[in-house]
C-alpha atoms as a PDB file:
ATOM      1  CA  MET A   1    -134.069  49.177-146.905  1.00  0.00           C
ATOM      2  CA  ALA A   2    -135.660  51.445-144.314  1.00  0.00           C
ATOM      3  CA  ASP A   3    -139.414  51.856-144.097  1.00  0.00           C
ATOM      4  CA  SER A   4    -140.161  54.670-146.531  1.00  0.00           C
ATOM      5  CA  ALA A   5    -143.849  55.171-145.752  1.00  0.00           C
ATOM      6  CA  VAL A   6    -144.732  58.794-145.143  1.00  0.00           C
ATOM      7  CA  GLN A   7    -146.109  59.767-141.746  1.00  0.00           C
ATOM      8  CA  GLY A   8    -148.371  62.473-143.162  1.00  0.00           C
ATOM      9  CA  ILE A   9    -148.190  66.221-143.530  1.00  0.00           C
ATOM     10  CA  LYS A  10    -147.482  67.505-140.052  1.00  0.00           C
ATOM     11  CA  THR A  11    -145.716  70.779-140.823  1.00  0.00           C
ATOM     12  CA  VAL A  12    -146.627  73.704-143.080  1.00  0.00           C
ATOM     13  CA  LEU A  13    -144.266  76.670-143.336  1.00  0.00           C
ATOM     14  CA  HIS A  14    -145.504  80.049-144.544  1.00  0.00           C
ATOM     15  CA  PRO A  15    -143.182  82.777-145.851  1.00  0.00           C
ATOM     16  CA  VAL A  16    -144.025  86.161-144.299  1.00  0.00           C
ATOM     17  CA  THR A  17    -142.796  89.702-144.839  1.00  0.00           C
ATOM     18  CA  ASP A  18    -143.790  91.107-141.432  1.00  0.00           C
ATOM     19  CA  LEU A  19    -143.386  88.530-138.672  1.00  0.00           C
ATOM     20  CA  ALA A  20    -145.117  90.579-135.943  1.00  0.00           C
ATOM     21  CA  LYS A  21    -148.206  91.247-138.069  1.00  0.00           C
ATOM     22  CA  ALA A  22    -148.329  87.678-139.363  1.00  0.00           C
ATOM     23  CA  LYS A  23    -148.081  86.333-135.796  1.00  0.00           C
ATOM     24  CA  LYS A  24    -151.203  88.315-134.860  1.00  0.00           C
ATOM     25  CA  VAL A  25    -153.150  86.978-137.842  1.00  0.00           C
ATOM     26  CA  TYR A  26    -152.172  83.349-137.222  1.00  0.00           C
ATOM     27  CA  SER A  27    -152.807  83.650-133.473  1.00  0.00           C
ATOM     28  CA  ALA A  28    -156.314  84.906-134.268  1.00  0.00           C
ATOM     29  CA  LEU A  29    -156.877  82.193-136.881  1.00  0.00           C
ATOM     30  CA  LEU A  30    -155.660  79.333-134.687  1.00  0.00           C
ATOM     31  CA  GLY A  31    -156.975  80.677-131.378  1.00  0.00           C
ATOM     32  CA  ILE A  32    -153.654  80.135-129.590  1.00  0.00           C
ATOM     33  CA  GLU A  33    -150.380  81.905-128.950  1.00  0.00           C
ATOM     34  CA  PRO A  34    -147.240  80.504-130.631  1.00  0.00           C
ATOM     35  CA  GLN A  35    -145.215  77.814-128.873  1.00  0.00           C
ATOM     36  CA  THR A  36    -142.037  79.034-130.597  1.00  0.00           C
ATOM     37  CA  ASP A  37    -141.699  82.806-130.743  1.00  0.00           C
ATOM     38  CA  GLY A  38    -138.392  84.176-131.983  1.00  0.00           C
ATOM     39  CA  ASP A  39    -137.058  86.908-134.210  1.00  0.00           C
ATOM     40  CA  PHE A  40    -136.392  84.473-137.057  1.00  0.00           C
ATOM     41  CA  TYR A  41    -139.250  81.966-136.682  1.00  0.00           C
ATOM     42  CA  VAL A  42    -142.677  81.691-135.081  1.00  0.00           C
ATOM     43  CA  GLY A  43    -144.329  78.290-134.713  1.00  0.00           C
ATOM     44  CA  PHE A  44    -147.758  77.113-133.619  1.00  0.00           C
ATOM     45  CA  ASP A  45    -148.646  73.555-132.603  1.00  0.00           C
ATOM     46  CA  VAL A  46    -152.345  72.868-133.002  1.00  0.00           C
ATOM     47  CA  ALA A  47    -154.379  69.703-133.644  1.00  0.00           C
ATOM     48  CA  GLY A  48    -151.306  67.586-134.399  1.00  0.00           C
ATOM     49  CA  GLN A  49    -149.992  70.119-136.910  1.00  0.00           C
ATOM     50  CA  HIS A  50    -147.090  72.550-136.777  1.00  0.00           C
ATOM     51  CA  ILE A  51    -147.654  75.870-138.554  1.00  0.00           C
ATOM     52  CA  GLY A  52    -144.494  77.929-138.989  1.00  0.00           C
ATOM     53  CA  LEU A  53    -143.961  81.532-140.057  1.00  0.00           C
ATOM     54  CA  VAL A  54    -140.659  82.199-141.813  1.00  0.00           C
ATOM     55  CA  PRO A  55    -139.628  85.829-142.340  1.00  0.00           C
ATOM     56  CA  GLY A  56    -137.386  86.561-145.309  1.00  0.00           C
ATOM     57  CA  ALA A  57    -138.101  83.168-146.823  1.00  0.00           C
ATOM     58  CA  GLY A  58    -138.382  84.737-150.261  1.00  0.00           C
ATOM     59  CA  THR A  59    -134.640  85.333-150.233  1.00  0.00           C
ATOM     60  CA  GLN A  60    -134.272  81.561-149.703  1.00  0.00           C
ATOM     61  CA  GLY A  61    -136.479  80.778-152.711  1.00  0.00           C
ATOM     62  CA  MET A  62    -139.625  80.132-150.655  1.00  0.00           C
ATOM     63  CA  ASP A  63    -142.368  82.215-152.231  1.00  0.00           C
ATOM     64  CA  ALA A  64    -145.410  80.167-151.197  1.00  0.00           C
ATOM     65  CA  PRO A  65    -146.363  77.908-148.265  1.00  0.00           C
ATOM     66  CA  VAL A  66    -144.642  74.521-148.236  1.00  0.00           C
ATOM     67  CA  ALA A  67    -146.249  71.408-146.774  1.00  0.00           C
ATOM     68  CA  TYR A  68    -143.717  69.017-145.238  1.00  0.00           C
ATOM     69  CA  TRP A  69    -144.299  65.294-145.433  1.00  0.00           C
ATOM     70  CA  HIS A  70    -142.713  63.594-142.430  1.00  0.00           C
ATOM     71  CA  VAL A  71    -140.680  60.541-143.401  1.00  0.00           C
ATOM     72  CA  PRO A  72    -138.594  58.023-141.447  1.00  0.00           C
ATOM     73  CA  ASP A  73    -135.612  58.170-143.870  1.00  0.00           C
ATOM     74  CA  ILE A  74    -135.226  61.402-145.839  1.00  0.00           C
ATOM     75  CA  GLU A  75    -132.364  60.220-148.075  1.00  0.00           C
ATOM     76  CA  SER A  76    -134.279  57.093-149.069  1.00  0.00           C
ATOM     77  CA  LYS A  77    -137.406  59.125-149.820  1.00  0.00           C
ATOM     78  CA  LEU A  78    -135.393  61.656-151.846  1.00  0.00           C
ATOM     79  CA  ALA A  79    -134.003  58.802-153.930  1.00  0.00           C
ATOM     80  CA  GLU A  80    -137.491  57.375-154.480  1.00  0.00           C
ATOM     81  CA  VAL A  81    -139.149  60.627-155.529  1.00  0.00           C
ATOM     82  CA  THR A  82    -136.286  61.718-157.790  1.00  0.00           C
ATOM     83  CA  ALA A  83    -136.300  58.305-159.470  1.00  0.00           C
ATOM     84  CA  ALA A  84    -140.010  58.892-160.094  1.00  0.00           C
ATOM     85  CA  GLY A  85    -139.350  62.271-161.755  1.00  0.00           C
ATOM     86  CA  ALA A  86    -139.113  64.889-159.000  1.00  0.00           C
ATOM     87  CA  THR A  87    -136.200  67.340-158.938  1.00  0.00           C
ATOM     88  CA  VAL A  88    -134.297  68.233-155.785  1.00  0.00           C
ATOM     89  CA  LYS A  89    -134.774  71.923-154.978  1.00  0.00           C
ATOM     90  CA  SER A  90    -132.846  71.869-151.682  1.00  0.00           C
ATOM     91  CA  PRO A  91    -131.015  68.747-150.473  1.00  0.00           C
ATOM     92  CA  ALA A  92    -131.407  67.350-146.980  1.00  0.00           C
ATOM     93  CA  ALA A  93    -129.997  69.711-144.376  1.00  0.00           C
ATOM     94  CA  ASP A  94    -129.943  69.667-140.586  1.00  0.00           C
ATOM     95  CA  VAL A  95    -131.963  72.642-139.305  1.00  0.00           C
ATOM     96  CA  GLY A  96    -131.246  71.962-135.646  1.00  0.00           C
ATOM     97  CA  GLY A  97    -132.216  69.433-133.046  1.00  0.00           C
ATOM     98  CA  GLY A  98    -131.470  66.577-135.431  1.00  0.00           C
ATOM     99  CA  ARG A  99    -134.290  67.596-137.775  1.00  0.00           C
ATOM    100  CA  LEU A 100    -133.525  67.156-141.463  1.00  0.00           C
ATOM    101  CA  VAL A 101    -135.459  68.974-144.181  1.00  0.00           C
ATOM    102  CA  ALA A 102    -135.353  68.918-147.966  1.00  0.00           C
ATOM    103  CA  THR A 103    -137.556  70.122-150.795  1.00  0.00           C
ATOM    104  CA  VAL A 104    -138.261  68.772-154.235  1.00  0.00           C
ATOM    105  CA  THR A 105    -140.372  69.963-157.135  1.00  0.00           C
ATOM    106  CA  ASP A 106    -142.795  67.632-158.838  1.00  0.00           C
ATOM    107  CA  ILE A 107    -143.168  67.495-162.621  1.00  0.00           C
ATOM    108  CA  ASP A 108    -145.518  70.511-162.520  1.00  0.00           C
ATOM    109  CA  GLY A 109    -143.215  72.681-160.406  1.00  0.00           C
ATOM    110  CA  ASN A 110    -145.075  72.216-157.114  1.00  0.00           C
ATOM    111  CA  VAL A 111    -142.740  72.328-154.117  1.00  0.00           C
ATOM    112  CA  LEU A 112    -142.964  69.340-151.766  1.00  0.00           C
ATOM    113  CA  GLY A 113    -141.209  69.367-148.408  1.00  0.00           C
ATOM    114  CA  LEU A 114    -139.701  66.319-146.722  1.00  0.00           C
ATOM    115  CA  MET A 115    -138.845  66.260-143.028  1.00  0.00           C
ATOM    116  CA  GLN A 116    -137.163  63.658-140.821  1.00  0.00           C
ATOM    117  CA  ASP A 117    -136.826  63.838-137.059  1.00  0.00           C
ATOM    118  CA  ARG A 118    -133.960  61.761-135.706  1.00  0.00           C
END
């Protein structure tokens, strides 16, 4: 079985309604310009963390920020957390560059993100 220890929360995605305005706020908060700056995603890398702004995320069921726990084997971790009582909200999917993401809800409805970089 693969090592299933988490590598910590390294990514937090925030749903936004106005990407340009949100980018200004987060640039001011973090004191840096974004490293990824597109029409469909803006991302900041600061202090070992990645902060992402996701426009239109509400239409994808993302209505609050989601913290992503980085894991070495996303399928193994999904199996572990669902066996413990979590429910899969979105199964593992490749979002580009070999990065896999998934979300689950805990027993209280909190959304937990899982992320694996290949």
